[in-house]
Protein backbone atom coordinates (compact mmCIF):
# COMPACT_ATOMS: atom_id res chain seq x y z
CA MET A 1 20.97 8.63 14.01
CA THR A 2 18.10 6.77 12.15
CA ALA A 3 14.63 6.61 13.75
CA LEU A 4 13.81 2.78 13.60
CA LEU A 5 10.79 0.81 14.87
CA ILE A 6 11.66 -3.01 15.51
CA THR A 7 8.46 -4.87 14.95
CA VAL A 8 7.58 -8.23 15.36
CA ASP A 9 4.53 -10.30 14.13
CA THR A 10 3.42 -12.68 16.95
CA GLU A 11 1.03 -15.13 15.96
CA LEU A 12 0.07 -18.63 16.08
CA SER A 13 0.89 -20.74 12.82
CA ALA A 14 -2.52 -21.28 10.88
CA SER A 15 -0.66 -23.87 9.12
CA LEU A 16 0.28 -25.74 12.28
CA GLN A 17 -3.52 -25.29 13.09
CA GLN A 18 -4.50 -26.86 9.86
CA ARG A 19 -2.11 -29.83 10.22
CA GLY A 20 -3.99 -30.84 13.62
CA VAL A 21 -1.18 -29.46 15.92
CA ASP A 22 -2.56 -28.68 19.41
CA LEU A 23 -2.53 -25.40 21.00
CA ASP A 24 0.45 -25.78 23.48
CA ASP A 25 2.57 -27.20 20.58
CA ASN A 26 1.57 -24.55 18.29
CA ILE A 27 2.55 -21.58 21.26
CA ARG A 28 5.77 -23.19 21.77
CA ARG A 29 6.79 -23.54 18.28
CA SER A 30 5.07 -20.32 16.78
CA ILE A 31 5.56 -17.97 19.90
CA TRP A 32 8.56 -19.00 21.73
CA ALA A 33 10.20 -20.61 18.55
CA GLU A 34 11.42 -23.89 20.52
CA ALA A 35 13.33 -26.29 18.56
CA GLN A 36 16.22 -28.96 19.57
CA GLY A 37 16.37 -27.49 22.96
CA GLN A 38 16.71 -23.73 22.28
CA ALA A 39 14.45 -21.02 22.01
CA HIS A 40 14.68 -18.04 19.31
CA GLY A 41 11.02 -16.74 19.54
CA ILE A 42 9.96 -13.49 21.21
CA GLY A 43 11.82 -14.48 24.72
CA TRP A 44 15.23 -14.62 22.68
CA GLN A 45 14.29 -11.63 20.68
CA MET A 46 13.54 -9.46 23.85
CA ASP A 47 16.68 -10.51 25.32
CA MET A 48 18.47 -9.04 22.19
CA LEU A 49 16.65 -5.94 22.69
CA ASP A 50 17.24 -5.61 26.12
CA ARG A 51 20.88 -6.32 25.84
CA HIS A 52 20.88 -3.15 23.29
CA GLY A 53 18.90 -0.94 25.25
CA LEU A 54 16.22 -1.06 22.64
CA LYS A 55 12.25 -1.37 22.66
CA GLY A 56 10.40 -3.66 20.35
CA VAL A 57 6.87 -3.50 19.13
CA PHE A 58 4.89 -7.16 19.08
CA PHE A 59 1.92 -7.27 16.89
CA LEU A 60 -0.08 -9.94 18.60
CA ASP A 61 -2.80 -11.64 16.50
CA PRO A 62 -5.73 -12.69 19.16
CA LEU A 63 -8.14 -14.14 16.66
CA PRO A 64 -7.13 -17.88 17.50
CA ALA A 65 -9.18 -17.18 21.04
CA LEU A 66 -12.09 -17.56 18.63
CA VAL A 67 -10.90 -21.22 18.20
CA HIS A 68 -8.88 -21.86 21.44
CA GLY A 69 -10.45 -19.45 23.94
CA ALA A 70 -8.68 -16.49 25.22
CA ASP A 71 -6.66 -17.60 28.32
CA PHE A 72 -3.60 -18.43 25.92
CA LEU A 73 -3.27 -14.74 25.21
CA ALA A 74 -2.52 -13.45 28.76
CA PRO A 75 0.76 -15.00 29.36
CA ILE A 76 2.43 -13.53 26.05
CA VAL A 77 1.04 -10.14 26.70
CA THR A 78 2.38 -10.31 30.20
CA ALA A 79 5.89 -11.43 29.20
CA ILE A 80 6.02 -8.51 26.57
CA VAL A 81 4.67 -6.00 28.64
CA GLU A 82 6.76 -6.83 31.96
CA ARG A 83 9.78 -6.43 30.29
CA GLY A 84 8.95 -2.95 28.79
CA HIS A 85 8.24 -3.71 25.33
CA GLU A 86 4.83 -2.86 23.65
CA VAL A 87 1.73 -5.06 22.30
CA GLN A 88 -0.08 -3.88 19.28
CA MET A 89 -2.98 -5.50 17.48
CA HIS A 90 -2.53 -7.32 14.33
CA ILE A 91 -5.28 -10.16 13.22
CA HIS A 92 -5.40 -13.22 10.59
CA THR A 93 -8.97 -13.85 9.54
CA GLU A 94 -8.08 -17.18 8.55
CA TRP A 95 -8.79 -18.32 11.88
CA LEU A 96 -12.38 -17.61 11.26
CA ALA A 97 -12.62 -20.72 9.44
CA TRP A 98 -12.07 -22.99 12.92
CA ALA A 99 -14.16 -20.20 14.79
CA LYS A 100 -16.82 -22.15 17.36
CA GLU A 101 -18.96 -18.98 16.87
CA SER A 102 -18.43 -16.43 14.13
CA PRO A 103 -18.72 -12.89 14.95
CA VAL A 104 -19.38 -11.89 11.35
CA GLY A 105 -22.37 -14.31 10.47
CA GLY A 106 -20.10 -17.30 9.34
CA ARG A 107 -18.41 -14.90 6.58
CA GLN A 108 -14.75 -15.99 6.09
CA GLY A 109 -11.99 -14.69 4.27
CA ARG A 110 -7.86 -14.82 4.25
CA ASN A 111 -7.31 -11.13 4.74
CA ILE A 112 -9.13 -8.40 6.38
CA GLY A 113 -9.46 -6.94 3.14
CA ASP A 114 -11.74 -9.64 2.09
CA PHE A 115 -14.48 -8.13 4.28
CA THR A 116 -16.90 -5.27 4.00
CA LEU A 117 -16.29 -2.23 6.47
CA ALA A 118 -19.00 -3.22 8.52
CA ASP A 119 -17.43 -6.79 9.30
CA GLN A 120 -13.84 -5.05 9.51
CA ILE A 121 -15.28 -2.73 12.45
CA VAL A 122 -16.63 -6.03 14.07
CA LEU A 123 -13.31 -7.80 13.90
CA LEU A 124 -11.06 -5.04 14.97
CA GLY A 125 -13.33 -4.41 17.84
CA LEU A 126 -13.24 -7.60 18.77
CA ALA A 127 -9.31 -8.08 18.47
CA ARG A 128 -8.94 -4.83 20.57
CA GLN A 129 -11.27 -6.14 23.45
CA LEU A 130 -9.56 -9.53 23.43
CA LEU A 131 -6.10 -7.81 23.89
CA GLU A 132 -7.14 -5.32 26.49
CA GLN A 133 -8.57 -8.36 28.54
CA ALA A 134 -5.27 -10.12 28.36
CA GLY A 135 -3.55 -7.17 29.73
CA ALA A 136 -2.60 -4.97 27.11
CA MET A 137 -2.75 -1.38 27.46
CA LYS A 138 -6.21 -0.05 27.09
CA ALA A 139 -6.51 1.59 23.57
CA ARG A 140 -8.13 5.22 23.70
CA GLN A 141 -9.11 4.78 20.33
CA VAL A 142 -8.73 2.66 17.02
CA THR A 143 -8.12 4.79 13.82
CA VAL A 144 -8.70 3.85 10.06
CA SER A 145 -7.73 5.46 6.92
CA ARG A 146 -9.97 6.17 4.10
CA VAL A 147 -8.27 6.70 0.91
CA GLY A 148 -9.93 8.15 -1.94
CA GLU A 149 -13.79 8.97 -2.40
CA VAL A 150 -16.16 6.01 -3.08
CA PRO A 151 -19.84 6.83 -3.78
CA GLY A 152 -21.82 6.04 -0.60
CA GLU A 153 -18.88 5.67 1.63
CA THR A 154 -19.53 8.87 3.53
CA THR A 155 -23.13 7.72 4.33
CA PHE A 156 -21.73 4.46 5.70
CA TYR A 157 -19.02 6.37 7.72
CA GLU A 158 -21.53 8.62 9.27
CA ARG A 159 -23.75 5.73 10.20
CA TYR A 160 -21.21 4.02 12.22
CA ASP A 161 -20.31 7.40 13.93
CA LEU A 162 -16.73 7.52 12.50
CA GLN A 163 -15.19 10.77 13.37
CA THR A 164 -12.81 12.45 11.12
CA LEU A 165 -9.47 13.40 12.79
CA CYS A 166 -7.67 14.89 9.70
CA ARG A 167 -7.74 14.74 5.99
CA ILE A 168 -4.93 15.26 3.68
CA ARG A 169 -4.88 15.80 -0.01
CA ARG A 170 -2.72 16.22 -3.00
CA MET A 171 -2.41 19.47 -4.83
CA SER A 172 -1.00 20.47 -7.96
CA LEU A 173 0.44 24.22 -8.34
CA SER A 174 2.52 25.17 -11.35
CA ALA A 175 6.07 26.52 -10.83
CA ARG A 176 6.19 30.42 -11.65
CA THR A 177 8.37 33.34 -10.73
CA GLY A 178 7.23 35.58 -7.93
CA GLN A 179 7.96 38.93 -6.63
CA ILE A 180 9.27 37.43 -3.25
CA PHE A 181 12.77 38.00 -1.55
CA TYR A 182 14.16 34.62 -0.35
CA ARG A 183 17.30 32.81 0.29
CA ALA A 184 17.63 29.31 -0.70
CA THR A 185 20.78 27.05 -0.30
CA GLU A 186 21.67 23.42 -0.45
CA HIS A 187 21.66 21.82 2.97
CA PRO A 188 23.12 18.56 3.19
CA ASN A 189 22.98 18.34 7.06
CA ALA A 190 20.56 15.27 7.59
CA ASP A 191 20.87 15.64 11.61
CA PRO A 192 17.04 15.26 12.72
CA ALA A 193 17.65 17.40 15.77
CA GLN A 194 17.37 20.53 13.31
CA ILE A 195 13.40 19.95 12.87
CA GLN A 196 12.89 19.20 16.83
CA GLY A 197 9.62 20.70 17.68
CA TRP A 198 8.84 22.02 14.14
CA HIS A 199 5.61 21.70 11.93
CA MET A 200 5.53 19.66 8.65
CA PRO A 201 2.69 21.46 6.61
CA VAL A 202 3.67 19.86 3.39
CA GLY A 203 4.28 16.28 2.31
CA ARG A 204 3.45 14.64 5.66
CA LEU A 205 1.86 11.05 5.39
CA THR A 206 3.30 9.69 8.72
CA SER A 207 5.23 11.54 11.42
CA ALA A 208 7.56 14.37 10.69
CA ARG A 209 10.39 12.91 11.93
CA GLN A 210 9.75 9.60 9.71
CA GLU A 211 9.45 11.56 6.76
CA TRP A 212 12.81 13.59 7.27
CA GLU A 213 14.63 10.06 7.80
CA HIS A 214 13.21 9.07 4.52
CA LEU A 215 13.88 11.99 2.57
CA TRP A 216 16.87 13.84 3.96
CA PRO A 217 19.55 11.37 4.29
CA ARG A 218 21.33 9.66 1.09
CA THR A 219 20.93 6.34 1.79
CA TRP A 220 19.06 5.06 -1.09
CA GLU A 221 21.32 7.02 -3.55
CA VAL A 222 23.44 4.40 -3.99
CA ILE A 223 21.06 2.71 -6.28
CA PRO A 224 21.28 4.01 -9.62
CA GLU A 225 17.70 4.56 -10.50
CA VAL A 226 17.07 6.60 -7.20
CA ARG A 227 20.17 8.93 -8.13
CA ARG A 228 18.96 9.80 -11.29
CA GLN A 229 15.84 11.02 -9.79
CA ARG A 230 17.09 14.52 -8.60
CA THR A 231 16.37 15.49 -4.86
CA HIS A 232 16.79 19.01 -3.82
CA ARG A 233 17.55 19.63 -0.02
CA LEU A 234 17.33 23.17 0.95
CA HIS A 235 17.51 25.43 3.60
CA LEU A 236 14.87 28.35 2.84
CA ALA A 237 14.21 31.69 4.30
CA ALA A 238 11.50 33.90 3.11
CA ALA A 239 9.86 36.98 5.05
CA GLY A 240 11.33 35.94 8.27
CA GLN A 241 10.21 32.30 7.87
CA GLU A 242 12.75 29.67 7.93
CA ALA A 243 12.16 26.24 6.46
CA PHE A 244 13.73 23.14 5.29
CA VAL A 245 12.39 22.00 1.84
CA CYS A 246 12.78 18.86 -0.24
CA CYS A 247 11.88 18.59 -3.88
CA ARG A 248 12.08 15.24 -5.34
CA GLN A 249 11.41 15.02 -9.00
CA GLN A 250 8.81 12.71 -9.89
CA LEU A 251 9.96 9.32 -11.64
CA TYR A 252 7.61 9.49 -14.63
CA ASP A 253 7.42 13.49 -15.19
CA PRO A 254 10.65 14.80 -14.61
CA ARG A 255 9.28 18.39 -14.87
CA SER A 256 7.02 17.64 -11.89
CA ALA A 257 8.49 17.48 -8.19
CA ASP A 258 7.01 16.50 -5.03
CA VAL A 259 7.45 19.05 -2.07
CA ALA A 260 7.93 18.47 1.46
CA CYS A 261 8.47 21.28 3.96
CA TRP A 262 9.60 21.30 7.76
CA SER A 263 9.15 24.81 9.64
CA PRO A 264 8.68 26.24 13.12
CA LYS A 265 5.70 27.70 11.91
CA PRO A 266 2.42 26.92 9.90
CA LEU A 267 2.70 27.38 6.23
CA THR A 268 2.49 31.00 4.61
CA ASN A 269 1.79 32.52 1.15
CA GLN A 270 5.15 33.79 1.22
CA LEU A 271 6.82 30.54 1.55
CA VAL A 272 4.42 29.05 -0.95
CA SER A 273 5.82 32.01 -3.42
CA ALA A 274 9.40 31.38 -2.73
CA ILE A 275 9.07 27.79 -3.30
CA ARG A 276 7.12 27.99 -6.66
CA ASP A 277 9.79 30.84 -7.69
CA TRP A 278 12.43 28.34 -6.92
CA GLY A 279 11.14 25.37 -8.55
CA HIS A 280 10.40 27.63 -11.73
CA ARG A 281 14.11 28.63 -11.64
CA THR A 282 15.28 25.29 -11.27
CA GLY A 283 13.35 24.13 -14.53
CA TYR A 284 10.25 22.47 -13.11
CA ARG A 285 6.80 23.12 -14.39
CA THR A 286 4.46 21.62 -11.72
CA LEU A 287 4.73 21.12 -8.07
CA GLN A 288 2.89 18.60 -5.97
CA TRP A 289 1.63 19.52 -2.37
CA VAL A 290 0.39 17.01 0.06
CA VAL A 291 -1.53 19.44 2.70
CA ALA A 292 -4.16 18.88 5.09
CA ASP A 293 -7.63 20.79 4.43
CA ASP A 294 -7.08 23.53 6.57
CA THR A 295 -3.67 24.40 4.38
CA VAL A 296 -5.31 24.10 1.10
CA LYS A 297 -6.35 27.77 1.36
CA VAL A 298 -2.80 29.00 1.67
CA LEU A 299 -1.75 27.46 -1.71
CA GLY A 300 -4.02 30.10 -3.37
CA GLN A 301 -6.82 29.68 -5.96
CA GLU A 302 -4.65 28.52 -8.49
CA ALA A 303 -4.04 25.24 -6.84
CA GLU A 304 -6.07 22.18 -8.27
CA PRO A 305 -6.85 18.92 -6.55
CA GLY A 306 -4.59 15.94 -7.62
CA GLY A 307 -7.11 13.14 -7.08
CA TYR A 308 -5.68 11.69 -4.13
CA THR A 309 -7.07 12.04 -0.69
CA VAL A 310 -6.34 10.24 3.04
CA GLU A 311 -8.91 10.57 5.67
CA THR A 312 -8.08 9.39 9.07
CA CYS A 313 -11.13 8.55 11.30
CA ALA A 314 -11.70 7.36 14.76
CA LEU A 315 -13.12 3.87 14.78
CA THR A 316 -14.47 4.35 18.42
CA PRO A 317 -15.25 7.57 20.22
CA ILE A 318 -12.17 8.69 22.68
CA THR A 319 -13.37 8.06 26.39
CA GLU A 320 -11.33 8.96 29.53
């Protein structure tokens, strides 16, 4: 079974606002999607989800509260939460153009990326507060991802007390023969139950289950360009450690491959040696590993940084 998140952007229309449509009509048309005596908005969507025993995630934009007040949010949040679905945060900063009072000194932008990090922190904090006041589940923390290294950015993050939760980085390691006994066999079985409770020490950018659903099934291989990009799905055993390993040939460098690995144990030197040996015997020259900071040392001194890092930070301290 494929893991799937059904998400719905739940927001008032900025276009209708610009055309002078009042709040009630905007809610009726944008949230409940009422037209010609029928409704196909979030109520209808939840009916369909409930009918099939599914749960939806509704990304609600609270920033229109800066224009119309926050009272309109509570009935929407209540309608979603009482039916067992989930409310998450989603903001459209174009609403700042009509805000009665600007939380960021009058600065405007169409997208969150148009603002400085300091303004982003203010806007996201305000949006979180509005949703919590409207009845959404209280957020224990808000996280942000920091990609790459920008001069001066570390000092800025420290000033706002952003706490690093984890950091991953891409490392490059040559494929080479090694003095290691291992067994590697093709493993076409894509059942995710096989990795239940396992670690994913290599290649994890999202959840281990989501990465598995992306890499192991052959869903996308009906596309010729994807099919030409070799993907190896292996069951590997080395020094008493079992692992599932996916090696995908890089699109523009056929002698290089990206490694993903699931195992019931953390990554070991023996498992690294086995994967490098297999890669060499298969014709690869370089293997790319995305690993957490505390795993880099397992790759050994030959591993070189690949110029890609992602740091996940807590925007606000966790409070009980």
